[in-house]
Amino acid sequence: MAVYHDKNSDFELNTNGLGIPKEGFGFSNNPRILFGAPKFKKAKFKLKASENKKMLIKLKHF
């Protein structure tokens, strides 16, 4: 799961001229983020059809 804080409410993840996000973003399981999105296997999680799940996703800011 990928999330971001749309600080200016424009429905986009804003980036600077180098493509680096200007708004906070994060992924399920809070994988280490260096350059680009993490591999799918680092952020995946299991969820049964009848299950509710709460997650704490830490937002990364550059």
Protein backbone atom coordinates (compact mmCIF):
# COMPACT_ATOMS: atom_id res chain seq x y z
CA MET A 1 0.00 0.00 0.00
CA ALA A 2 1.33 3.43 -0.91
CA VAL A 3 0.12 6.62 0.74
CA TYR A 4 1.02 10.29 0.59
CA HIS A 5 0.05 13.51 2.36
CA ASP A 6 -1.53 15.79 -0.24
CA LYS A 7 -0.50 18.92 1.64
CA ASN A 8 -1.85 21.36 -0.96
CA SER A 9 -4.97 19.31 -1.89
CA ASP A 10 -4.20 19.10 -5.62
CA PHE A 11 -4.62 15.28 -5.76
CA GLU A 12 -0.99 14.78 -6.85
CA LEU A 13 2.29 13.86 -5.20
CA ASN A 14 4.23 17.02 -5.96
CA THR A 15 7.93 16.71 -6.78
CA ASN A 16 10.81 19.11 -7.31
CA GLY A 17 12.73 19.52 -10.58
CA LEU A 18 14.70 16.32 -9.88
CA GLY A 19 11.57 14.24 -9.24
CA ILE A 20 12.10 14.12 -5.47
CA PRO A 21 8.78 14.28 -3.57
CA LYS A 22 7.97 17.58 -1.88
CA GLU A 23 5.17 15.94 0.16
CA GLY A 24 5.34 13.12 2.69
CA PHE A 25 4.85 9.56 1.40
CA GLY A 26 5.12 6.01 2.69
CA PHE A 27 4.48 2.32 2.07
CA SER A 28 3.01 -0.56 4.05
CA ASN A 29 5.54 -2.31 6.32
CA ASN A 30 7.60 0.93 6.38
CA PRO A 31 10.42 -0.39 4.15
CA ARG A 32 13.64 1.57 3.87
CA ILE A 33 13.35 4.08 1.03
CA LEU A 34 16.45 5.35 -0.73
CA PHE A 35 15.94 5.85 -4.47
CA GLY A 36 12.47 5.10 -5.82
CA ALA A 37 9.68 2.91 -4.54
CA PRO A 38 10.52 -0.29 -2.64
CA LYS A 39 10.23 -3.73 -4.20
CA PHE A 40 6.69 -5.12 -3.97
CA LYS A 41 7.79 -7.96 -1.67
CA LYS A 42 8.97 -5.39 0.91
CA ALA A 43 5.55 -3.69 1.11
CA LYS A 44 3.16 -6.62 0.59
CA PHE A 45 0.94 -7.98 3.34
CA LYS A 46 -1.79 -10.61 3.64
CA LEU A 47 -5.41 -9.68 4.23
CA LYS A 48 -8.29 -12.13 4.45
CA ALA A 49 -11.63 -11.16 2.86
CA SER A 50 -13.34 -10.83 6.26
CA GLU A 51 -10.39 -9.17 8.01
CA ASN A 52 -9.90 -5.56 9.04
CA LYS A 53 -6.32 -4.44 9.45
CA LYS A 54 -4.81 -1.32 10.99
CA MET A 55 -1.36 -0.15 9.90
CA LEU A 56 0.94 2.59 11.03
CA ILE A 57 2.72 3.97 7.97
CA LYS A 58 5.53 6.42 8.64
CA LEU A 59 5.71 9.20 6.07
CA LYS A 60 9.09 10.02 4.58
CA HIS A 61 9.98 13.67 3.92
CA PHE A 62 12.99 14.88 1.95
